[in-house]
Amino acid sequence: MNFILYLSSCSTCKKIIKAMELPEELRLIDIKKEPLSKNQLDFLYQNTGSYLALINKRALLFKQRQIDTQQLTEDFAKNLLMDHYSFLKRPVLVYRNKVFIGNTKAVVAEAKKWIDEH
């Protein structure tokens, strides 16, 4: 299972994807056009051990829905992730049984190194 979950309208996602030399077998999945599936979420949970690790706490919907990010639980996070694509921290890269979540410089560098070595 090799894929990257991203948002095609997100300039940060596009910049990261462009900067990496992504292998051809990597499937690009625009989460707005193809929402996160239960199987994908289960896989991510099994590999991270946390739904909270997948949550984008800067999503505008938190403010719009008046959700207190300090009160998030694993179950609530799971429901949010299945409810709307904007709650997913992105991009999420899954390549050769390793998961990389988010767009920090450290995560992007680690993902790029992993791809280059494999």
C-alpha atoms as a PDB file:
ATOM      1  CA  MET A   1       0.000   0.000   0.000  1.00  0.00           C
ATOM      2  CA  ASN A   2       1.816   3.092  -1.298  1.00  0.00           C
ATOM      3  CA  PHE A   3      -0.081   6.363  -1.466  1.00  0.00           C
ATOM      4  CA  ILE A   4      -0.061  10.015  -0.568  1.00  0.00           C
ATOM      5  CA  LEU A   5      -3.156  11.740   0.788  1.00  0.00           C
ATOM      6  CA  TYR A   6      -3.126  15.405  -0.122  1.00  0.00           C
ATOM      7  CA  LEU A   7      -5.363  18.300  -1.039  1.00  0.00           C
ATOM      8  CA  SER A   8      -4.915  19.541  -4.594  1.00  0.00           C
ATOM      9  CA  SER A   9      -5.889  23.088  -3.593  1.00  0.00           C
ATOM     10  CA  CYS A  10      -3.244  23.180  -0.835  1.00  0.00           C
ATOM     11  CA  SER A  11      -0.139  25.047  -1.977  1.00  0.00           C
ATOM     12  CA  THR A  12       1.960  23.416   0.752  1.00  0.00           C
ATOM     13  CA  CYS A  13       0.963  19.916  -0.398  1.00  0.00           C
ATOM     14  CA  LYS A  14       1.736  20.805  -4.011  1.00  0.00           C
ATOM     15  CA  LYS A  15       5.126  22.242  -3.036  1.00  0.00           C
ATOM     16  CA  ILE A  16       6.052  19.130  -1.049  1.00  0.00           C
ATOM     17  CA  ILE A  17       4.947  16.753  -3.808  1.00  0.00           C
ATOM     18  CA  LYS A  18       6.886  18.746  -6.391  1.00  0.00           C
ATOM     19  CA  ALA A  19      10.038  18.813  -4.232  1.00  0.00           C
ATOM     20  CA  MET A  20      10.076  15.039  -3.747  1.00  0.00           C
ATOM     21  CA  GLU A  21      10.880  12.618  -6.497  1.00  0.00           C
ATOM     22  CA  LEU A  22       7.886  10.375  -5.908  1.00  0.00           C
ATOM     23  CA  PRO A  23       8.077   6.785  -7.145  1.00  0.00           C
ATOM     24  CA  GLU A  24       5.689   5.839  -9.937  1.00  0.00           C
ATOM     25  CA  GLU A  25       3.983   3.184  -7.796  1.00  0.00           C
ATOM     26  CA  LEU A  26       2.873   5.861  -5.346  1.00  0.00           C
ATOM     27  CA  ARG A  27      -0.828   6.638  -5.777  1.00  0.00           C
ATOM     28  CA  LEU A  28      -1.777  10.299  -5.403  1.00  0.00           C
ATOM     29  CA  ILE A  29      -5.143  10.664  -3.641  1.00  0.00           C
ATOM     30  CA  ASP A  30      -6.812  14.066  -3.504  1.00  0.00           C
ATOM     31  CA  ILE A  31      -8.851  13.734  -0.304  1.00  0.00           C
ATOM     32  CA  LYS A  32     -11.407  16.290  -1.434  1.00  0.00           C
ATOM     33  CA  LYS A  33     -12.249  14.280  -4.552  1.00  0.00           C
ATOM     34  CA  GLU A  34     -11.727  10.861  -2.953  1.00  0.00           C
ATOM     35  CA  PRO A  35     -12.437  11.095   0.793  1.00  0.00           C
ATOM     36  CA  LEU A  36     -10.531   9.050   3.312  1.00  0.00           C
ATOM     37  CA  SER A  37     -11.919   5.525   3.423  1.00  0.00           C
ATOM     38  CA  LYS A  38     -12.506   3.506   6.563  1.00  0.00           C
ATOM     39  CA  ASN A  39      -9.858   1.003   5.393  1.00  0.00           C
ATOM     40  CA  GLN A  40      -7.294   3.773   4.878  1.00  0.00           C
ATOM     41  CA  LEU A  41      -8.089   5.258   8.291  1.00  0.00           C
ATOM     42  CA  ASP A  42      -7.824   1.835   9.944  1.00  0.00           C
ATOM     43  CA  PHE A  43      -4.468   1.284   8.230  1.00  0.00           C
ATOM     44  CA  LEU A  44      -3.180   4.678   9.378  1.00  0.00           C
ATOM     45  CA  TYR A  45      -4.342   4.010  12.927  1.00  0.00           C
ATOM     46  CA  GLN A  46      -2.643   0.606  12.971  1.00  0.00           C
ATOM     47  CA  ASN A  47       0.606   2.247  11.869  1.00  0.00           C
ATOM     48  CA  THR A  48       0.491   5.318  14.085  1.00  0.00           C
ATOM     49  CA  GLY A  49      -1.478   4.084  17.095  1.00  0.00           C
ATOM     50  CA  SER A  50      -3.414   7.329  17.234  1.00  0.00           C
ATOM     51  CA  TYR A  51      -6.238   9.119  15.458  1.00  0.00           C
ATOM     52  CA  LEU A  52      -5.168  12.299  17.231  1.00  0.00           C
ATOM     53  CA  ALA A  53      -1.814  12.182  15.397  1.00  0.00           C
ATOM     54  CA  LEU A  54      -3.770  12.489  12.147  1.00  0.00           C
ATOM     55  CA  ILE A  55      -5.792  15.540  13.175  1.00  0.00           C
ATOM     56  CA  ASN A  56      -5.128  18.941  11.646  1.00  0.00           C
ATOM     57  CA  LYS A  57      -5.829  21.159  14.658  1.00  0.00           C
ATOM     58  CA  ARG A  58      -5.632  24.256  12.461  1.00  0.00           C
ATOM     59  CA  ALA A  59      -8.652  23.224  10.370  1.00  0.00           C
ATOM     60  CA  LEU A  60     -11.139  26.068  10.051  1.00  0.00           C
ATOM     61  CA  LEU A  61     -13.979  23.692  10.846  1.00  0.00           C
ATOM     62  CA  PHE A  62     -12.805  23.540  14.456  1.00  0.00           C
ATOM     63  CA  LYS A  63     -13.699  27.214  14.823  1.00  0.00           C
ATOM     64  CA  GLN A  64     -16.842  26.991  12.705  1.00  0.00           C
ATOM     65  CA  ARG A  65     -18.169  24.050  14.703  1.00  0.00           C
ATOM     66  CA  GLN A  66     -16.837  25.472  17.966  1.00  0.00           C
ATOM     67  CA  ILE A  67     -14.839  22.332  18.746  1.00  0.00           C
ATOM     68  CA  ASP A  68     -12.337  22.630  21.581  1.00  0.00           C
ATOM     69  CA  THR A  69      -9.166  20.935  20.332  1.00  0.00           C
ATOM     70  CA  GLN A  70      -8.014  20.520  23.940  1.00  0.00           C
ATOM     71  CA  GLN A  71     -10.971  18.196  24.585  1.00  0.00           C
ATOM     72  CA  LEU A  72     -10.337  15.819  21.664  1.00  0.00           C
ATOM     73  CA  THR A  73     -10.460  12.096  22.357  1.00  0.00           C
ATOM     74  CA  GLU A  74      -9.352   9.259  20.096  1.00  0.00           C
ATOM     75  CA  ASP A  75     -12.969   8.317  19.291  1.00  0.00           C
ATOM     76  CA  PHE A  76     -13.956  11.908  18.551  1.00  0.00           C
ATOM     77  CA  ALA A  77     -10.865  12.337  16.364  1.00  0.00           C
ATOM     78  CA  LYS A  78     -11.781   9.184  14.422  1.00  0.00           C
ATOM     79  CA  ASN A  79     -15.291  10.518  13.802  1.00  0.00           C
ATOM     80  CA  LEU A  80     -13.951  13.896  12.668  1.00  0.00           C
ATOM     81  CA  LEU A  81     -11.550  12.236  10.230  1.00  0.00           C
ATOM     82  CA  MET A  82     -14.383  10.245   8.683  1.00  0.00           C
ATOM     83  CA  ASP A  83     -16.663  13.297   8.646  1.00  0.00           C
ATOM     84  CA  HIS A  84     -14.631  15.811   6.646  1.00  0.00           C
ATOM     85  CA  TYR A  85     -11.356  15.849   4.711  1.00  0.00           C
ATOM     86  CA  SER A  86     -10.141  19.111   6.233  1.00  0.00           C
ATOM     87  CA  PHE A  87      -9.608  17.460   9.625  1.00  0.00           C
ATOM     88  CA  LEU A  88      -6.783  15.313   8.198  1.00  0.00           C
ATOM     89  CA  LYS A  89      -3.271  16.640   8.748  1.00  0.00           C
ATOM     90  CA  ARG A  90      -1.656  16.623   5.352  1.00  0.00           C
ATOM     91  CA  PRO A  91      -0.001  15.400   3.404  1.00  0.00           C
ATOM     92  CA  VAL A  92       0.049  11.820   4.599  1.00  0.00           C
ATOM     93  CA  LEU A  93       2.595   9.670   2.820  1.00  0.00           C
ATOM     94  CA  VAL A  94       2.494   5.903   3.096  1.00  0.00           C
ATOM     95  CA  TYR A  95       5.403   4.223   1.385  1.00  0.00           C
ATOM     96  CA  ARG A  96       6.908   0.798   1.956  1.00  0.00           C
ATOM     97  CA  ASN A  97       5.165   0.253   5.307  1.00  0.00           C
ATOM     98  CA  LYS A  98       6.167   3.623   6.750  1.00  0.00           C
ATOM     99  CA  VAL A  99       3.799   6.522   7.431  1.00  0.00           C
ATOM    100  CA  PHE A 100       4.734  10.205   7.358  1.00  0.00           C
ATOM    101  CA  ILE A 101       2.173  12.726   8.584  1.00  0.00           C
ATOM    102  CA  GLY A 102       2.213  16.458   8.059  1.00  0.00           C
ATOM    103  CA  ASN A 103       4.321  19.123   6.480  1.00  0.00           C
ATOM    104  CA  THR A 104       6.992  20.045   8.997  1.00  0.00           C
ATOM    105  CA  LYS A 105      10.503  20.314   7.604  1.00  0.00           C
ATOM    106  CA  ALA A 106      11.626  17.357   9.713  1.00  0.00           C
ATOM    107  CA  VAL A 107       8.804  15.086   8.494  1.00  0.00           C
ATOM    108  CA  VAL A 108       9.311  16.089   4.859  1.00  0.00           C
ATOM    109  CA  ALA A 109      13.075  15.514   5.101  1.00  0.00           C
ATOM    110  CA  GLU A 110      12.569  12.121   6.743  1.00  0.00           C
ATOM    111  CA  ALA A 111      10.033  11.110   4.070  1.00  0.00           C
ATOM    112  CA  LYS A 112      12.311  12.220   1.253  1.00  0.00           C
ATOM    113  CA  LYS A 113      15.211  10.276   2.764  1.00  0.00           C
ATOM    114  CA  TRP A 114      13.013   7.161   3.122  1.00  0.00           C
ATOM    115  CA  ILE A 115      11.907   7.378  -0.517  1.00  0.00           C
ATOM    116  CA  ASP A 116      15.457   7.930  -1.749  1.00  0.00           C
ATOM    117  CA  GLU A 117      16.750   4.921   0.217  1.00  0.00           C
ATOM    118  CA  HIS A 118      13.981   2.579  -0.874  1.00  0.00           C
END
